[in-house]
Amino acid sequence: MTEVSTEMTTQLEAGAAPTNWKSFLLDILETLVLSVVLFLAINAVSARVRVDGFSMLPTLNNGEYVLVNRLAYRFSHPVRGDIIVFRFPVNPKEDLIKRVIGLPGDEITISEGHVYVNGAVIEEAYIAASPKYAGTWDVPEDHLFVLGDNRNDSSDSHSWGLVPVSNVVGRAVLVYWPFNNWMIIKHDQLVLAAP
């Protein structure tokens, strides 16, 4: 009787090992599938971009990582003052981050260090310095006029043109890295002074 019990125990243990491996592999597969689903879901609603350069100083610094809300304009439109990420019209493989100044139908004039929207000067407490360039741009339908906050050290609409609304990736939400720079990004609504 002892020999039969020992033999049955050995057979049961031998049969249990493959079941444990199958269970372990199934757990790993479930974890991997869940990870992929979460990754795809997170990327569908957000993007992460790195600020390269100094065009958004003093608002954003070179090397900061920014979280972008991809759904921000799914049911609404950008407004003046929003900081957006978009595919660069000259090189769509490159993403840029700038502030929306002009909307479809607006006339933007930069003159004597001031920016005018439809003849009204805008108050801009967030810029590094007043622009030292001048020009006038009409913003057509489905386009935006964008500028960097570091006006005199920014490649933006004043130098290469307008941004198609279809190029907009989303609205910048917060700086998450480096951690000591963590902040929710403030989107100043542009105040238009009387013309």
Protein backbone atom coordinates (compact mmCIF):
# COMPACT_ATOMS: atom_id res chain seq x y z
CA MET A 1 0.00 0.00 0.00
CA THR A 2 2.87 2.35 0.69
CA GLU A 3 4.37 1.70 -2.74
CA VAL A 4 1.06 2.51 -4.49
CA SER A 5 0.62 5.76 -2.50
CA THR A 6 4.17 6.86 -3.26
CA GLU A 7 3.71 6.05 -6.95
CA MET A 8 0.41 8.00 -7.13
CA THR A 9 1.94 10.97 -5.34
CA THR A 10 4.85 10.99 -7.79
CA GLN A 11 2.47 10.86 -10.75
CA LEU A 12 0.32 13.67 -9.33
CA GLU A 13 3.37 15.88 -8.72
CA ALA A 14 4.66 15.19 -12.24
CA GLY A 15 1.23 16.14 -13.66
CA ALA A 16 1.05 19.29 -11.52
CA ALA A 17 4.28 20.77 -12.88
CA PRO A 18 3.01 21.27 -16.47
CA THR A 19 -0.23 22.77 -15.12
CA ASN A 20 1.78 25.30 -13.04
CA TRP A 21 3.85 26.25 -16.11
CA LYS A 22 0.71 26.64 -18.21
CA SER A 23 -0.85 28.83 -15.55
CA PHE A 24 2.34 30.88 -15.27
CA LEU A 25 2.56 31.39 -19.06
CA LEU A 26 -1.14 32.31 -19.19
CA ASP A 27 -0.59 34.92 -16.46
CA ILE A 28 2.35 36.41 -18.39
CA LEU A 29 0.31 36.49 -21.61
CA GLU A 30 -2.60 38.21 -19.84
CA THR A 31 -0.21 40.79 -18.35
CA LEU A 32 1.37 41.50 -21.74
CA VAL A 33 -2.01 41.89 -23.46
CA LEU A 34 -3.25 44.21 -20.70
CA SER A 35 -0.03 46.26 -20.96
CA VAL A 36 -0.43 46.66 -24.72
CA VAL A 37 -4.11 47.66 -24.37
CA LEU A 38 -3.24 50.24 -21.67
CA PHE A 39 -0.34 51.58 -23.76
CA LEU A 40 -2.59 52.02 -26.81
CA ALA A 41 -5.38 53.60 -24.74
CA ILE A 42 -3.00 56.07 -23.07
CA ASN A 43 -1.45 57.02 -26.43
CA ALA A 44 -4.91 57.52 -27.94
CA VAL A 45 -5.75 60.23 -25.40
CA SER A 46 -2.32 61.72 -24.66
CA ALA A 47 1.13 62.35 -26.06
CA ARG A 48 4.42 63.13 -24.44
CA VAL A 49 6.78 65.61 -26.08
CA ARG A 50 10.16 67.07 -25.23
CA VAL A 51 10.70 70.81 -25.51
CA ASP A 52 13.71 71.30 -27.78
CA GLY A 53 15.14 74.79 -27.79
CA PHE A 54 14.34 78.10 -26.20
CA SER A 55 11.42 79.37 -28.30
CA MET A 56 8.87 79.09 -25.46
CA LEU A 57 10.91 80.77 -22.72
CA PRO A 58 10.01 81.86 -20.09
CA THR A 59 6.92 79.59 -20.10
CA LEU A 60 8.66 76.33 -21.06
CA ASN A 61 12.33 75.43 -20.77
CA ASN A 62 14.61 73.46 -23.07
CA GLY A 63 14.61 69.76 -22.16
CA GLU A 64 11.30 69.71 -20.29
CA TYR A 65 8.85 66.91 -21.00
CA VAL A 66 5.23 67.92 -21.55
CA LEU A 67 2.04 65.87 -21.39
CA VAL A 68 -0.36 66.70 -24.24
CA ASN A 69 -4.12 66.14 -24.26
CA ARG A 70 -4.94 64.66 -27.71
CA LEU A 71 -8.70 64.89 -27.07
CA ALA A 72 -8.74 68.61 -26.17
CA TYR A 73 -9.94 69.69 -29.61
CA ARG A 74 -12.04 66.67 -30.50
CA PHE A 75 -15.23 68.59 -29.63
CA SER A 76 -13.90 72.15 -29.46
CA HIS A 77 -11.42 74.42 -31.21
CA PRO A 78 -8.16 76.05 -30.12
CA VAL A 79 -8.57 79.51 -28.63
CA ARG A 80 -6.13 82.41 -28.53
CA GLY A 81 -3.59 81.82 -25.79
CA ASP A 82 -3.65 78.01 -25.93
CA ILE A 83 -0.26 76.31 -26.00
CA ILE A 84 -0.50 73.57 -28.59
CA VAL A 85 1.62 70.81 -30.05
CA PHE A 86 1.39 70.36 -33.80
CA ARG A 87 3.10 68.67 -36.73
CA PHE A 88 5.45 71.21 -38.31
CA PRO A 89 3.97 72.11 -41.73
CA VAL A 90 7.45 72.26 -43.32
CA ASN A 91 8.44 68.83 -41.89
CA PRO A 92 5.39 66.86 -40.65
CA LYS A 93 7.66 64.29 -38.92
CA GLU A 94 8.65 67.01 -36.44
CA ASP A 95 6.38 68.22 -33.61
CA LEU A 96 6.53 71.83 -32.40
CA ILE A 97 5.02 73.59 -29.40
CA LYS A 98 3.81 77.21 -29.67
CA ARG A 99 1.08 79.57 -28.48
CA VAL A 100 -2.04 80.25 -30.58
CA ILE A 101 -2.28 83.95 -31.45
CA GLY A 102 -4.56 84.05 -34.49
CA LEU A 103 -7.68 82.08 -35.38
CA PRO A 104 -9.35 81.58 -38.78
CA GLY A 105 -10.50 84.93 -40.14
CA ASP A 106 -8.14 87.00 -37.97
CA GLU A 107 -5.70 89.61 -39.23
CA ILE A 108 -2.44 89.58 -37.27
CA THR A 109 -0.17 92.62 -37.37
CA ILE A 110 3.16 92.90 -35.60
CA SER A 111 4.47 96.45 -35.44
CA GLU A 112 6.64 98.54 -33.10
CA GLY A 113 7.02 95.67 -30.61
CA HIS A 114 3.30 94.91 -30.32
CA VAL A 115 1.05 92.17 -31.66
CA TYR A 116 -2.37 93.22 -32.93
CA VAL A 117 -5.31 90.90 -33.59
CA ASN A 118 -7.91 92.51 -35.84
CA GLY A 119 -6.53 95.94 -34.98
CA ALA A 120 -6.55 95.43 -31.20
CA VAL A 121 -3.24 95.12 -29.35
CA ILE A 122 -2.93 92.04 -27.14
CA GLU A 123 -1.51 92.18 -23.63
CA GLU A 124 1.22 89.58 -23.24
CA ALA A 125 2.71 89.33 -19.75
CA TYR A 126 4.12 85.86 -20.56
CA ILE A 127 6.61 86.81 -23.33
CA ALA A 128 10.39 87.09 -22.91
CA ALA A 129 10.65 90.34 -24.90
CA SER A 130 8.68 92.36 -27.43
CA PRO A 131 9.09 91.24 -31.04
CA LYS A 132 11.70 93.14 -33.06
CA TYR A 133 10.15 92.20 -36.40
CA ALA A 134 7.07 93.41 -38.24
CA GLY A 135 4.50 92.08 -40.66
CA THR A 136 0.84 91.42 -41.38
CA TRP A 137 -0.80 88.02 -41.89
CA ASP A 138 -4.37 87.04 -42.75
CA VAL A 139 -5.38 83.70 -41.20
CA PRO A 140 -7.44 81.64 -43.66
CA GLU A 141 -10.12 79.10 -42.77
CA ASP A 142 -8.82 75.94 -41.02
CA HIS A 143 -5.47 77.54 -40.08
CA LEU A 144 -3.85 79.05 -36.99
CA PHE A 145 -1.20 81.71 -36.46
CA VAL A 146 1.22 80.65 -33.71
CA LEU A 147 4.15 82.33 -32.00
CA GLY A 148 6.75 81.24 -29.45
CA ASP A 149 6.79 83.14 -26.16
CA ASN A 150 10.47 83.95 -26.77
CA ARG A 151 9.45 86.11 -29.72
CA ASN A 152 12.92 87.04 -30.98
CA ASP A 153 14.33 83.49 -30.77
CA SER A 154 11.45 81.45 -32.19
CA SER A 155 10.82 79.80 -35.53
CA ASP A 156 7.06 80.19 -35.86
CA SER A 157 4.27 81.55 -38.07
CA HIS A 158 6.04 84.88 -38.56
CA SER A 159 8.88 83.07 -40.34
CA TRP A 160 7.42 79.96 -42.01
CA GLY A 161 3.66 80.51 -42.21
CA LEU A 162 0.41 79.22 -40.79
CA VAL A 163 -0.50 75.91 -39.15
CA PRO A 164 -3.33 73.84 -40.64
CA VAL A 165 -5.79 72.92 -37.87
CA SER A 166 -5.49 69.31 -39.07
CA ASN A 167 -1.82 69.35 -37.94
CA VAL A 168 -2.72 70.03 -34.30
CA VAL A 169 -1.81 67.07 -32.07
CA GLY A 170 -3.32 68.51 -28.89
CA ARG A 171 -3.19 70.97 -26.03
CA ALA A 172 -0.19 71.05 -23.69
CA VAL A 173 -1.37 70.17 -20.17
CA LEU A 174 1.57 69.87 -17.79
CA VAL A 175 5.32 69.67 -17.46
CA TYR A 176 6.14 66.34 -15.83
CA TRP A 177 9.93 66.12 -16.15
CA PRO A 178 12.30 67.13 -14.69
CA PHE A 179 10.24 66.56 -11.59
CA ASN A 180 11.40 69.75 -9.84
CA ASN A 181 9.92 71.73 -12.81
CA TRP A 182 6.54 69.97 -12.50
CA MET A 183 3.66 72.36 -13.21
CA ILE A 184 0.26 72.61 -14.82
CA ILE A 185 0.68 74.73 -17.94
CA LYS A 186 -1.18 78.02 -17.79
CA HIS A 187 -3.01 78.97 -20.97
CA ASP A 188 -3.41 82.74 -20.83
CA GLN A 189 -6.54 83.89 -22.59
CA LEU A 190 -5.37 86.77 -24.75
CA VAL A 191 -6.86 90.09 -23.75
CA LEU A 192 -7.57 92.35 -26.69
CA ALA A 193 -7.25 96.02 -25.82
CA ALA A 194 -9.39 98.55 -27.64
CA PRO A 195 -7.94 99.52 -31.06
